[in-house]
C-alpha cells in the first residue's frame, strides 16, 4: 500500500522529493489551506519504502497508508 501526504499539513519543505528512490512525489499546483506549497504521492508509483516518513520534518504530514481523502493532487 502506498503512503500519502496530508495536503493541509505539508509545508512544502520537499526533503521527501529528493529522498524518494522512485520519484513518486510530485509538487501540487497551487497552495494548501495554510498557504504553502505542498506535495502528493503517486499511489501507482510508490513502492512503500518509507523513506518519506523518515525524512519529513513536519509531524503528521506523511502517512503510512493510502489516504486519497487527505491527499490532494492540485490537478
Protein backbone atom coordinates (compact mmCIF):
# COMPACT_ATOMS: atom_id res chain seq x y z
CA UNK A 1 0.00 0.00 0.00
CA UNK A 2 1.28 3.46 -0.88
CA UNK A 3 1.98 6.25 1.58
CA UNK A 4 0.12 9.58 1.48
CA UNK A 5 0.93 13.20 2.16
CA UNK A 6 -1.71 15.09 4.09
CA UNK A 7 -2.09 18.15 1.86
CA UNK A 8 -3.17 20.54 4.59
CA UNK A 9 -0.29 19.57 6.91
CA UNK A 10 2.51 19.56 4.30
CA UNK A 11 4.65 22.71 4.43
CA UNK A 12 6.40 22.25 1.08
CA UNK A 13 9.85 21.58 2.54
CA UNK A 14 10.38 18.80 -0.05
CA UNK A 15 13.00 16.69 1.74
CA UNK A 16 10.89 13.74 0.65
CA UNK A 17 11.22 14.59 -3.05
CA UNK A 18 15.00 14.21 -3.18
CA UNK A 19 14.94 11.14 -0.89
CA UNK A 20 12.35 9.15 -2.87
CA UNK A 21 14.07 6.37 -4.86
CA UNK A 22 11.28 6.11 -7.44
CA UNK A 23 10.38 9.81 -7.88
CA UNK A 24 6.74 9.29 -6.93
CA UNK A 25 6.39 12.58 -5.01
CA UNK A 26 5.11 15.49 -7.06
CA UNK A 27 4.54 19.17 -6.35
CA UNK A 28 0.90 20.15 -6.47
CA UNK A 29 -0.41 23.13 -8.35
CA UNK A 30 -1.34 25.98 -6.04
CA UNK A 31 -1.19 26.28 -2.27
CA UNK A 32 -2.79 24.33 0.56
CA UNK A 33 -5.08 25.71 3.28
CA UNK A 34 -2.02 27.06 5.16
CA UNK A 35 -0.91 28.96 2.07
CA UNK A 36 2.20 26.85 1.48
CA UNK A 37 3.31 24.74 -1.44
CA UNK A 38 2.52 21.08 -0.91
CA UNK A 39 3.35 17.70 -2.41
CA UNK A 40 1.50 14.50 -3.18
CA UNK A 41 2.46 10.85 -3.71
CA UNK A 42 1.56 9.00 -6.89
CA UNK A 43 0.00 5.82 -5.46
CA UNK A 44 0.72 3.87 -8.65
CA UNK A 45 4.47 4.57 -8.43
CA UNK A 46 5.08 4.42 -4.65
CA UNK A 47 6.96 1.27 -3.55
CA UNK A 48 6.10 1.67 0.15
CA UNK A 49 9.76 2.07 1.19
CA UNK A 50 9.01 4.55 3.99
CA UNK A 51 11.87 6.93 3.29
CA UNK A 52 9.46 9.87 3.04
CA UNK A 53 8.25 9.11 6.57
CA UNK A 54 11.82 9.12 7.85
CA UNK A 55 12.97 12.39 6.24
CA UNK A 56 9.91 14.62 6.60
CA UNK A 57 10.45 17.14 9.41
CA UNK A 58 6.74 18.04 9.62
CA UNK A 59 4.94 15.81 12.08
CA UNK A 60 1.88 14.15 10.57
CA UNK A 61 2.50 15.32 7.00
CA UNK A 62 3.37 11.87 5.64
CA UNK A 63 1.07 8.98 6.46
CA UNK A 64 1.97 5.30 6.30
CA UNK A 65 -1.25 4.48 4.49
CA UNK A 66 -3.03 5.32 1.28
CA UNK A 67 -5.42 8.17 2.14
CA UNK A 68 -6.77 9.83 -1.00
CA UNK A 69 -9.25 11.73 1.18
CA UNK A 70 -6.37 13.65 2.84
CA UNK A 71 -4.11 13.98 -0.18
CA UNK A 72 -4.94 16.48 -2.92
CA UNK A 73 -3.04 16.49 -6.20
CA UNK A 74 -3.94 20.08 -7.03
CA UNK A 75 -4.84 18.98 -10.52
